[in-house]
Amino acid sequence: MTEEDRLCETTLARLAKDTQTPGYDRGQIQTGIVHLGIGAFHRAHQAVYTDAVLANGDSRWGILGVSLRSADTRDALLPQDGLYTVAVRDGSGDSFRVIGSITNVLVAPEDPEAVLEAMTSPAVKIVSLTVTEKGYCYAPATASLDERHPDIVHDLGNPAAPRSAIGFIVEALALRRANGLEPFTLLSCDNLPANGETLKRVVTRFAELRGPGLATFIRENVAFPSTMVDRIVPATTDVDRSVVHETTGLRDAWPIMTEPFTQWVVEDHFPSGRPAWEEVGVTFVADVDAFELMKLRLLNGSHSTLAYLGYLAGHETVSDVMQADGFGAFVEAMMDEEITPTLPPLSGFDLASYKEQLRERFRNPALRHRTWQIAMDGSQKLPQRLLNTIGQRLEQNQPFGRLALGVAGWMRYATGIDEKGGQIDVRDPLADEFRKRTEGKSSAPEILDAYLGMKQIFGEDLASNAAFHTAVGAALEKLLKDGSAKAVLESIGG
């Protein structure tokens, strides 16, 4: 890629005229937000909203991104002056917008001191996170800090050179406290139940392990607003890069492909100040829990179920799955009959339209969201996306056969062998444990017992529940015997 055809500040004027560009002077931006986990979702969601705030004239809210693992994002964006393209795609065509809200990108393992220095700047009022479920170093079944997690053990012994998001947050807060600076607000944008409360729980517990005074300071002075975030963001491919280049006229090392739909619901608790996100489409509420639960169970639960069963049936993308016989009817019945009865009422909200909109989003042929990508890190996602819903159905003494099939689909997928005997590239922090537990096991009862022994996923109650054991065991038996496509078709009426 040459300087002449690379997206950057000096080439913006060469973009195709229908490509939207930042409508503000980027040289005037201050960094008011440090974002941990500068991945594709953040760049398609929160950074886009913040770009609109900057365009409205408030230059205080530039974003410094932090990668906690890989240098890939930094290496792609810094030669582009932090600029990147968001391509919004659906069946009617594509639109392109260059985002300028990212001021810099740091790679934490290379220079943890620089990250901590950025987090302790007086101008920084918010530290936000999209580190995925596994980035919280917590036990998904209990949503409590995993005190034996290697990164947590390391960070407790090396507070000035942390590895985890939790370690960076607590050390930065300790430094701000020592320097007499007000704490920043911590804004979780990950798909966790009560994500603000979950983040507060793991942060304060980590702080307690460092010292009770620090924990008390955080508990009494730091805000942890909860959020609900929603936008489908597939992984970028080389074909996507070519489309962006051909359409905009400039090469972008890491553009973002996404859908037209975007939603952000935020609990309005920012003692140190915040951007006027409400002016650019964000919904601020006193309590985000009902919105969050709706999205986790209807969108994320359905998405994961389609990913596991669809992958096993040989489908590459979610839109492919939705076109296959039975899957559309299956997910509609699961939403209506098994998930909706577990949701609290949302006054004035059209739930039926929301569910139909979800299914239309899943069908979007222009958004090639791979089932394999959605299937990643299932051990971290399963409790909040499927298991909590099943737990509530059990309390109500109501059937949950389709949800059970989703859990069985994950179990079948996580064995690492597909329905044709081929290898599955299972990406999960517990993948090694899956292999050890299921090695040499081929029957449904053996595989089921191997997974239910993982209390960090299933907890004590579900693992020992006879109805859960029976329903998931029967679903797994059917998947092993008939395959996912047939199992889905036969489940529609039941």
Protein backbone atom coordinates (compact mmCIF):
# COMPACT_ATOMS: atom_id res chain seq x y z
CA MET A 1 0.00 0.00 0.00
CA THR A 2 1.51 3.32 -1.04
CA GLU A 3 1.01 6.70 0.61
CA GLU A 4 -0.83 7.89 -2.49
CA ASP A 5 -3.68 5.41 -2.23
CA ARG A 6 -3.85 4.81 1.54
CA LEU A 7 -6.64 6.33 3.60
CA CYS A 8 -5.13 9.04 5.85
CA GLU A 9 -5.47 12.74 6.63
CA THR A 10 -3.59 13.88 3.54
CA THR A 11 -5.66 11.74 1.14
CA LEU A 12 -9.17 12.42 2.49
CA ALA A 13 -9.89 14.84 -0.33
CA ARG A 14 -9.39 12.02 -2.83
CA LEU A 15 -12.26 9.92 -1.49
CA ALA A 16 -15.24 9.30 -3.72
CA LYS A 17 -17.67 12.20 -3.32
CA ASP A 18 -20.44 10.06 -1.80
CA THR A 19 -18.15 8.85 1.03
CA GLN A 20 -18.88 10.75 4.25
CA THR A 21 -15.83 12.18 6.02
CA PRO A 22 -15.27 13.63 9.52
CA GLY A 23 -16.97 17.02 9.68
CA TYR A 24 -14.57 18.56 12.18
CA ASP A 25 -10.94 19.57 12.69
CA ARG A 26 -9.27 16.47 14.12
CA GLY A 27 -6.30 18.56 15.23
CA GLN A 28 -8.50 20.16 17.90
CA ILE A 29 -9.67 16.88 19.48
CA GLN A 30 -8.77 16.14 23.09
CA THR A 31 -8.74 12.60 24.45
CA GLY A 32 -11.58 12.27 26.95
CA ILE A 33 -12.22 8.54 26.63
CA VAL A 34 -9.84 5.60 26.93
CA HIS A 35 -11.33 2.48 25.38
CA LEU A 36 -10.05 -0.98 26.33
CA GLY A 37 -10.57 -3.49 23.53
CA ILE A 38 -10.32 -1.50 20.30
CA GLY A 39 -11.93 -4.19 18.15
CA ALA A 40 -14.40 -4.20 15.30
CA PHE A 41 -17.52 -3.83 17.42
CA HIS A 42 -16.33 -0.70 19.18
CA ARG A 43 -15.29 0.84 15.88
CA ALA A 44 -18.74 0.10 14.39
CA HIS A 45 -20.67 1.31 17.42
CA GLN A 46 -19.42 3.59 20.21
CA ALA A 47 -16.73 5.23 18.06
CA VAL A 48 -19.37 6.05 15.42
CA TYR A 49 -21.68 7.71 17.94
CA THR A 50 -18.72 9.64 19.37
CA ASP A 51 -17.66 10.72 15.88
CA ALA A 52 -21.10 12.31 15.52
CA VAL A 53 -20.66 14.15 18.84
CA LEU A 54 -17.32 15.53 17.65
CA ALA A 55 -18.99 16.65 14.43
CA ASN A 56 -21.52 18.55 16.57
CA GLY A 57 -18.66 20.67 17.91
CA ASP A 58 -17.67 19.14 21.27
CA SER A 59 -13.97 18.35 20.84
CA ARG A 60 -13.38 16.98 24.36
CA TRP A 61 -14.30 13.38 23.59
CA GLY A 62 -11.68 11.84 21.35
CA ILE A 63 -11.01 8.15 21.98
CA LEU A 64 -7.64 6.61 22.76
CA GLY A 65 -7.93 2.90 21.95
CA VAL A 66 -6.05 0.21 23.83
CA SER A 67 -5.44 -3.28 22.51
CA LEU A 68 -4.85 -5.65 25.40
CA ARG A 69 -3.34 -8.41 23.27
CA SER A 70 -2.48 -7.93 19.60
CA ALA A 71 -0.83 -5.05 17.76
CA ASP A 72 -2.90 -5.70 14.61
CA THR A 73 -5.40 -2.86 15.07
CA ARG A 74 -2.66 -0.36 15.96
CA ASP A 75 -0.59 -1.41 12.98
CA ALA A 76 -3.57 -1.01 10.65
CA LEU A 77 -4.85 2.32 11.97
CA LEU A 78 -1.83 4.43 12.89
CA PRO A 79 -0.50 4.67 9.30
CA GLN A 80 -4.01 5.92 8.50
CA ASP A 81 -3.89 8.59 11.25
CA GLY A 82 -6.52 6.59 13.14
CA LEU A 83 -9.03 6.91 10.29
CA TYR A 84 -11.05 3.94 9.03
CA THR A 85 -14.12 3.27 6.91
CA VAL A 86 -17.47 1.96 8.12
CA ALA A 87 -19.42 0.27 5.33
CA VAL A 88 -23.13 -0.16 6.09
CA ARG A 89 -24.57 -3.01 4.05
CA ASP A 90 -27.99 -4.43 3.29
CA GLY A 91 -29.87 -5.79 0.31
CA SER A 92 -30.48 -2.31 -1.10
CA GLY A 93 -26.79 -1.39 -1.32
CA ASP A 94 -23.84 -0.03 0.66
CA SER A 95 -22.94 3.34 2.16
CA PHE A 96 -19.49 4.43 3.33
CA ARG A 97 -18.37 6.74 6.12
CA VAL A 98 -14.87 7.54 7.39
CA ILE A 99 -14.66 7.75 11.20
CA GLY A 100 -12.19 10.12 12.88
CA SER A 101 -12.91 9.80 16.60
CA ILE A 102 -9.87 7.64 17.45
CA THR A 103 -6.89 9.81 18.45
CA ASN A 104 -4.34 7.06 19.06
CA VAL A 105 -3.99 3.32 19.63
CA LEU A 106 -1.73 1.75 22.27
CA VAL A 107 -0.78 -1.91 22.63
CA ALA A 108 -0.82 -2.76 26.32
CA PRO A 109 1.77 -5.60 26.38
CA GLU A 110 4.30 -3.37 24.61
CA ASP A 111 4.02 -0.42 26.98
CA PRO A 112 1.72 -0.82 30.00
CA GLU A 113 3.14 2.38 31.50
CA ALA A 114 1.88 4.40 28.51
CA VAL A 115 -1.60 2.91 28.95
CA LEU A 116 -1.65 3.78 32.64
CA GLU A 117 -0.38 7.28 31.86
CA ALA A 118 -3.25 7.77 29.42
CA MET A 119 -5.80 6.45 31.94
CA THR A 120 -4.54 8.86 34.59
CA SER A 121 -4.79 11.97 32.42
CA PRO A 122 -7.05 14.58 34.08
CA ALA A 123 -8.84 15.05 30.74
CA VAL A 124 -9.98 11.42 30.66
CA LYS A 125 -13.47 11.18 32.15
CA ILE A 126 -14.57 7.75 30.85
CA VAL A 127 -12.88 4.38 30.48
CA SER A 128 -15.02 2.12 28.34
CA LEU A 129 -14.68 -1.55 27.50
CA THR A 130 -15.46 -4.04 24.75
CA VAL A 131 -13.17 -6.86 25.84
CA THR A 132 -15.73 -9.68 25.31
CA GLU A 133 -16.96 -11.87 28.11
CA LYS A 134 -13.60 -13.56 28.65
CA GLY A 135 -11.86 -10.20 29.16
CA TYR A 136 -13.54 -9.76 32.56
CA CYS A 137 -11.58 -12.69 34.04
CA TYR A 138 -14.72 -13.91 35.73
CA ALA A 139 -16.56 -17.19 36.21
CA PRO A 140 -19.57 -16.98 33.84
CA ALA A 141 -21.79 -19.15 36.04
CA THR A 142 -21.45 -16.81 39.04
CA ALA A 143 -20.30 -13.52 37.41
CA SER A 144 -17.64 -13.26 40.13
CA LEU A 145 -13.92 -12.65 39.73
CA ASP A 146 -11.93 -15.76 38.85
CA GLU A 147 -9.18 -15.29 41.42
CA ARG A 148 -7.18 -18.15 39.92
CA HIS A 149 -7.16 -16.68 36.41
CA PRO A 150 -3.49 -16.42 35.31
CA ASP A 151 -3.83 -12.75 34.38
CA ILE A 152 -5.42 -11.90 37.74
CA VAL A 153 -2.68 -13.77 39.62
CA HIS A 154 -0.07 -11.90 37.58
CA ASP A 155 -1.69 -8.49 38.06
CA LEU A 156 -1.96 -8.88 41.83
CA GLY A 157 1.76 -9.57 41.94
CA ASN A 158 2.69 -6.92 39.37
CA PRO A 159 0.23 -4.02 39.78
CA ALA A 160 2.37 -1.55 37.82
CA ALA A 161 2.58 -3.83 34.76
CA PRO A 162 -0.90 -5.38 34.42
CA ARG A 163 -2.13 -7.70 31.69
CA SER A 164 -5.89 -7.73 32.23
CA ALA A 165 -8.46 -5.00 31.75
CA ILE A 166 -9.31 -5.36 35.44
CA GLY A 167 -5.67 -4.92 36.45
CA PHE A 168 -5.29 -1.78 34.33
CA ILE A 169 -8.51 -0.28 35.68
CA VAL A 170 -7.67 -0.81 39.34
CA GLU A 171 -4.09 0.40 39.02
CA ALA A 172 -5.22 3.51 37.13
CA LEU A 173 -7.82 4.25 39.79
CA ALA A 174 -5.20 3.74 42.52
CA LEU A 175 -2.89 6.22 40.76
CA ARG A 176 -5.66 8.77 40.31
CA ARG A 177 -6.55 8.45 43.97
CA ALA A 178 -2.90 8.92 44.99
CA ASN A 179 -2.61 11.99 42.75
CA GLY A 180 -5.82 13.60 44.00
CA LEU A 181 -7.66 13.20 40.66
CA GLU A 182 -11.34 12.39 40.46
CA PRO A 183 -12.00 8.87 39.20
CA PHE A 184 -13.22 8.18 35.70
CA THR A 185 -16.56 6.54 34.96
CA LEU A 186 -16.32 2.89 33.93
CA LEU A 187 -18.57 2.07 30.98
CA SER A 188 -18.97 -1.59 30.03
CA CYS A 189 -20.26 -2.12 26.47
CA ASP A 190 -20.05 -5.91 26.50
CA ASN A 191 -22.86 -8.46 26.34
CA LEU A 192 -23.04 -9.31 30.02
CA PRO A 193 -26.11 -9.37 32.26
CA ALA A 194 -26.12 -6.12 34.28
CA ASN A 195 -22.76 -5.35 32.73
CA GLY A 196 -22.14 -2.32 34.93
CA GLU A 197 -22.83 -4.28 38.10
CA THR A 198 -20.76 -7.20 36.84
CA LEU A 199 -17.82 -4.90 36.11
CA LYS A 200 -18.19 -3.27 39.53
CA ARG A 201 -18.22 -6.69 41.20
CA VAL A 202 -15.00 -7.92 39.60
CA VAL A 203 -13.21 -4.57 39.92
CA THR A 204 -14.02 -4.12 43.60
CA ARG A 205 -13.14 -7.71 44.41
CA PHE A 206 -9.78 -7.30 42.68
CA ALA A 207 -9.26 -4.06 44.61
CA GLU A 208 -10.10 -5.85 47.88
CA LEU A 209 -7.34 -8.33 47.14
CA ARG A 210 -4.96 -5.39 46.79
CA GLY A 211 -6.20 -3.57 49.90
CA PRO A 212 -9.47 -2.69 51.64
CA GLY A 213 -8.90 1.07 51.42
CA LEU A 214 -8.69 1.02 47.64
CA ALA A 215 -11.82 -1.12 47.40
CA THR A 216 -13.74 1.28 49.62
CA PHE A 217 -12.62 4.24 47.52
CA ILE A 218 -13.81 2.55 44.32
CA ARG A 219 -17.07 1.37 45.83
CA GLU A 220 -17.92 4.86 47.09
CA ASN A 221 -16.62 7.03 44.26
CA VAL A 222 -16.63 5.20 40.91
CA ALA A 223 -19.70 5.02 38.66
CA PHE A 224 -20.42 1.84 36.69
CA PRO A 225 -23.41 2.59 34.44
CA SER A 226 -24.94 -0.39 32.65
CA THR A 227 -25.53 -0.40 28.92
CA MET A 228 -27.20 -2.36 26.17
CA VAL A 229 -25.37 -2.36 22.83
CA ASP A 230 -26.61 -3.79 19.56
CA ARG A 231 -25.12 -3.96 16.09
CA ILE A 232 -24.07 -6.95 14.02
CA VAL A 233 -20.42 -6.66 12.95
CA PRO A 234 -18.91 -9.51 10.92
CA ALA A 235 -15.17 -10.04 10.68
CA THR A 236 -13.58 -8.08 7.84
CA THR A 237 -12.32 -10.09 4.87
CA ASP A 238 -9.95 -9.30 2.01
CA VAL A 239 -12.98 -9.18 -0.28
CA ASP A 240 -14.41 -6.46 1.98
CA ARG A 241 -11.17 -4.50 1.75
CA SER A 242 -11.32 -4.71 -2.03
CA VAL A 243 -14.93 -3.47 -2.08
CA VAL A 244 -14.02 -0.48 0.09
CA HIS A 245 -11.02 0.36 -2.08
CA GLU A 246 -12.96 0.10 -5.34
CA THR A 247 -15.86 2.17 -4.03
CA THR A 248 -14.11 4.90 -2.04
CA GLY A 249 -10.93 5.14 -4.12
CA LEU A 250 -8.58 4.61 -1.16
CA ARG A 251 -7.16 1.53 0.50
CA ASP A 252 -8.15 0.89 4.12
CA ALA A 253 -6.17 -1.77 5.98
CA TRP A 254 -9.04 -2.52 8.33
CA PRO A 255 -12.47 -1.23 7.33
CA ILE A 256 -15.55 -2.25 9.28
CA MET A 257 -18.55 -3.92 7.66
CA THR A 258 -21.87 -3.66 9.48
CA GLU A 259 -25.64 -3.42 9.17
CA PRO A 260 -27.91 -0.34 9.13
CA PHE A 261 -29.39 -1.13 12.55
CA THR A 262 -27.61 0.27 15.60
CA GLN A 263 -28.81 0.74 19.18
CA TRP A 264 -27.23 1.93 22.42
CA VAL A 265 -29.19 2.19 25.67
CA VAL A 266 -27.24 3.65 28.60
CA GLU A 267 -27.91 4.18 32.29
CA ASP A 268 -27.38 7.91 32.81
CA HIS A 269 -24.82 7.99 35.63
CA PHE A 270 -21.64 9.89 34.69
CA PRO A 271 -20.48 12.03 37.64
CA SER A 272 -17.39 13.26 35.77
CA GLY A 273 -19.27 14.24 32.62
CA ARG A 274 -20.02 12.56 29.31
CA PRO A 275 -20.55 13.32 25.61
CA ALA A 276 -24.02 14.46 24.51
CA TRP A 277 -24.64 11.04 22.99
CA GLU A 278 -28.39 11.56 23.33
CA GLU A 279 -28.13 14.11 20.51
CA VAL A 280 -26.83 11.45 18.10
CA GLY A 281 -29.21 8.57 18.77
CA VAL A 282 -28.27 7.08 22.16
CA THR A 283 -31.14 6.34 24.56
CA PHE A 284 -30.45 7.29 28.19
CA VAL A 285 -32.59 5.57 30.82
CA ALA A 286 -32.70 5.19 34.59
CA ASP A 287 -32.65 1.38 34.38
CA VAL A 288 -31.27 -0.53 31.41
CA ASP A 289 -31.89 -4.03 32.77
CA ALA A 290 -35.09 -4.83 30.85
CA PHE A 291 -33.58 -3.70 27.53
CA GLU A 292 -30.42 -5.64 28.21
CA LEU A 293 -32.23 -8.84 29.13
CA MET A 294 -34.40 -8.58 26.02
CA LYS A 295 -31.39 -8.21 23.77
CA LEU A 296 -29.25 -10.88 25.44
CA ARG A 297 -31.98 -13.49 25.27
CA LEU A 298 -33.71 -12.67 21.99
CA LEU A 299 -30.83 -11.50 19.81
CA ASN A 300 -27.74 -13.06 21.36
CA GLY A 301 -29.41 -16.28 22.47
CA SER A 302 -30.97 -16.81 19.05
CA HIS A 303 -27.77 -15.79 17.26
CA SER A 304 -25.64 -18.29 19.19
CA THR A 305 -28.18 -21.07 18.68
CA LEU A 306 -28.27 -20.42 14.93
CA ALA A 307 -24.47 -20.35 14.87
CA TYR A 308 -23.95 -23.74 16.55
CA LEU A 309 -26.74 -25.59 14.79
CA GLY A 310 -26.15 -23.83 11.49
CA TYR A 311 -22.42 -24.52 11.50
CA LEU A 312 -23.07 -28.19 12.21
CA ALA A 313 -25.54 -28.25 9.31
CA GLY A 314 -22.83 -26.95 7.00
CA HIS A 315 -23.85 -23.29 6.65
CA GLU A 316 -21.16 -20.61 6.54
CA THR A 317 -23.18 -17.52 7.42
CA VAL A 318 -26.26 -16.65 9.47
CA SER A 319 -28.12 -15.54 6.37
CA ASP A 320 -27.38 -18.96 4.84
CA VAL A 321 -28.79 -20.61 7.97
CA MET A 322 -31.98 -18.54 7.81
CA GLN A 323 -32.54 -19.62 4.20
CA ALA A 324 -32.19 -23.32 5.06
CA ASP A 325 -35.31 -25.42 5.61
CA GLY A 326 -36.73 -25.10 9.09
CA PHE A 327 -34.27 -22.71 10.72
CA GLY A 328 -36.36 -19.55 10.30
CA ALA A 329 -39.45 -21.22 11.77
CA PHE A 330 -37.30 -22.75 14.52
CA VAL A 331 -35.88 -19.43 15.71
CA GLU A 332 -39.28 -17.72 15.49
CA ALA A 333 -40.86 -20.42 17.68
CA MET A 334 -37.95 -20.28 20.14
CA MET A 335 -38.31 -16.50 20.45
CA ASP A 336 -42.11 -16.54 20.82
CA GLU A 337 -42.72 -19.65 22.91
CA GLU A 338 -39.62 -20.07 25.09
CA ILE A 339 -37.81 -16.72 25.40
CA THR A 340 -40.55 -14.06 25.36
CA PRO A 341 -42.38 -15.45 28.44
CA THR A 342 -39.18 -14.91 30.49
CA LEU A 343 -38.91 -11.19 29.69
CA PRO A 344 -40.18 -8.34 31.89
CA PRO A 345 -42.68 -5.96 30.28
CA LEU A 346 -41.34 -2.87 28.52
CA SER A 347 -44.06 -0.25 28.55
CA GLY A 348 -44.79 1.12 25.08
CA PHE A 349 -42.27 -1.19 23.40
CA ASP A 350 -43.48 -3.24 20.40
CA LEU A 351 -41.87 -6.59 21.16
CA ALA A 352 -43.45 -8.38 18.21
CA SER A 353 -41.97 -5.84 15.77
CA TYR A 354 -38.59 -6.06 17.50
CA LYS A 355 -38.51 -9.85 17.04
CA GLU A 356 -39.46 -9.62 13.38
CA GLN A 357 -36.78 -6.97 12.92
CA LEU A 358 -34.23 -9.34 14.47
CA ARG A 359 -35.15 -12.10 12.06
CA GLU A 360 -34.88 -9.69 9.13
CA ARG A 361 -31.42 -8.68 10.34
CA PHE A 362 -30.42 -12.34 10.50
CA ARG A 363 -31.60 -12.73 6.88
CA ASN A 364 -29.56 -9.75 5.58
CA PRO A 365 -27.76 -11.29 2.57
CA ALA A 366 -25.19 -8.49 2.33
CA LEU A 367 -23.94 -9.08 5.88
CA ARG A 368 -21.86 -12.23 5.71
CA HIS A 369 -21.65 -12.96 9.43
CA ARG A 370 -19.92 -16.31 9.74
CA THR A 371 -21.39 -18.91 12.08
CA TRP A 372 -17.85 -19.85 13.11
CA GLN A 373 -17.18 -16.28 14.28
CA ILE A 374 -20.35 -16.14 16.39
CA ALA A 375 -19.55 -19.57 17.86
CA MET A 376 -16.28 -18.33 19.42
CA ASP A 377 -15.92 -18.23 23.22
CA GLY A 378 -19.13 -20.18 23.80
CA SER A 379 -18.19 -21.13 27.35
CA GLN A 380 -18.26 -17.44 28.27
CA LYS A 381 -21.48 -16.64 26.39
CA LEU A 382 -23.66 -19.65 27.18
CA PRO A 383 -24.81 -18.71 30.71
CA GLN A 384 -26.23 -15.28 29.86
CA ARG A 385 -27.46 -16.13 26.37
CA LEU A 386 -29.16 -19.50 26.99
CA LEU A 387 -28.67 -21.00 30.45
CA ASN A 388 -30.24 -18.15 32.43
CA THR A 389 -33.30 -18.31 30.18
CA ILE A 390 -33.54 -22.06 30.72
CA GLY A 391 -33.23 -21.55 34.47
CA GLN A 392 -36.24 -19.26 34.40
CA ARG A 393 -38.24 -21.72 32.28
CA LEU A 394 -37.45 -24.41 34.83
CA GLU A 395 -38.69 -22.16 37.64
CA GLN A 396 -41.91 -21.65 35.67
CA ASN A 397 -42.17 -25.41 35.04
CA GLN A 398 -42.36 -24.67 31.31
CA PRO A 399 -40.79 -26.57 28.38
CA PHE A 400 -37.52 -25.43 26.82
CA GLY A 401 -36.83 -27.97 24.08
CA ARG A 402 -35.49 -25.50 21.51
CA LEU A 403 -33.25 -23.78 24.04
CA ALA A 404 -32.02 -27.22 25.07
CA LEU A 405 -31.22 -27.95 21.42
CA GLY A 406 -29.14 -24.77 21.34
CA VAL A 407 -27.14 -25.91 24.38
CA ALA A 408 -26.73 -29.37 22.87
CA GLY A 409 -25.57 -27.73 19.64
CA TRP A 410 -22.84 -25.95 21.58
CA MET A 411 -21.80 -29.24 23.23
CA ARG A 412 -21.69 -30.99 19.87
CA TYR A 413 -19.72 -28.12 18.33
CA ALA A 414 -17.27 -27.85 21.23
CA THR A 415 -16.19 -31.49 20.84
CA GLY A 416 -14.21 -30.21 17.84
CA ILE A 417 -15.59 -32.79 15.39
CA ASP A 418 -18.33 -31.89 12.93
CA GLU A 419 -21.13 -34.07 11.62
CA LYS A 420 -18.96 -35.33 8.75
CA GLY A 421 -16.06 -36.24 11.00
CA GLY A 422 -14.03 -33.14 10.12
CA GLN A 423 -12.11 -30.98 12.55
CA ILE A 424 -13.71 -27.82 13.98
CA ASP A 425 -11.37 -24.96 14.91
CA VAL A 426 -12.89 -24.32 18.35
CA ARG A 427 -11.80 -20.92 19.68
CA ASP A 428 -12.55 -20.76 23.39
CA PRO A 429 -10.54 -20.03 26.56
CA LEU A 430 -11.61 -23.47 27.83
CA ALA A 431 -10.95 -25.35 24.58
CA ASP A 432 -8.16 -27.44 26.11
CA GLU A 433 -10.45 -28.53 28.92
CA PHE A 434 -13.16 -29.46 26.41
CA ARG A 435 -10.73 -31.75 24.62
CA LYS A 436 -9.54 -33.40 27.82
CA ARG A 437 -13.05 -33.98 29.12
CA THR A 438 -14.53 -35.34 25.89
CA GLU A 439 -11.55 -37.33 24.60
CA GLY A 440 -12.60 -40.90 23.85
CA LYS A 441 -16.26 -40.16 24.54
CA SER A 442 -18.82 -40.62 21.77
CA SER A 443 -22.22 -41.23 23.38
CA ALA A 444 -24.60 -38.46 24.40
CA PRO A 445 -24.62 -39.40 28.13
CA GLU A 446 -20.80 -39.42 28.25
CA ILE A 447 -20.46 -36.07 26.48
CA LEU A 448 -23.25 -34.50 28.54
CA ASP A 449 -21.72 -35.56 31.85
CA ALA A 450 -18.30 -34.31 30.74
CA TYR A 451 -19.64 -30.82 30.10
CA LEU A 452 -21.96 -30.64 33.10
CA GLY A 453 -18.92 -31.24 35.29
CA MET A 454 -17.71 -27.76 34.29
CA LYS A 455 -19.29 -25.82 37.13
CA GLN A 456 -17.75 -22.55 35.92
CA ILE A 457 -20.24 -22.76 33.03
CA PHE A 458 -23.26 -24.65 34.37
CA GLY A 459 -23.02 -23.93 38.09
CA GLU A 460 -24.36 -26.36 40.67
CA ASP A 461 -28.12 -26.00 40.19
CA LEU A 462 -28.43 -26.59 36.46
CA ALA A 463 -25.83 -29.34 36.39
CA SER A 464 -27.78 -31.32 38.98
CA ASN A 465 -31.27 -30.54 37.66
CA ALA A 466 -32.94 -33.69 36.38
CA ALA A 467 -35.20 -31.91 33.88
CA PHE A 468 -32.26 -30.01 32.41
CA HIS A 469 -30.20 -33.19 32.22
CA THR A 470 -33.02 -35.04 30.46
CA ALA A 471 -33.87 -32.30 27.94
CA VAL A 472 -30.30 -31.48 26.92
CA GLY A 473 -29.36 -35.16 26.88
CA ALA A 474 -32.24 -35.98 24.53
CA ALA A 475 -31.34 -33.06 22.26
CA LEU A 476 -27.69 -34.11 22.15
CA GLU A 477 -28.72 -37.70 21.38
CA LYS A 478 -30.78 -36.46 18.44
CA LEU A 479 -27.95 -34.30 17.12
CA LEU A 480 -25.50 -37.20 17.27
CA LYS A 481 -27.99 -39.59 15.62
CA ASP A 482 -29.78 -37.42 13.03
CA GLY A 483 -27.72 -34.25 12.62
CA SER A 484 -28.71 -30.67 13.31
CA ALA A 485 -30.73 -30.01 10.15
CA LYS A 486 -33.13 -32.87 10.84
CA ALA A 487 -33.25 -32.08 14.57
CA VAL A 488 -34.27 -28.49 13.82
CA LEU A 489 -36.98 -29.52 11.38
CA GLU A 490 -38.45 -32.03 13.84
CA SER A 491 -38.40 -29.53 16.69
CA ILE A 492 -40.55 -26.89 14.99
CA GLY A 493 -43.82 -28.37 16.12
CA GLY A 494 -42.62 -29.34 19.56
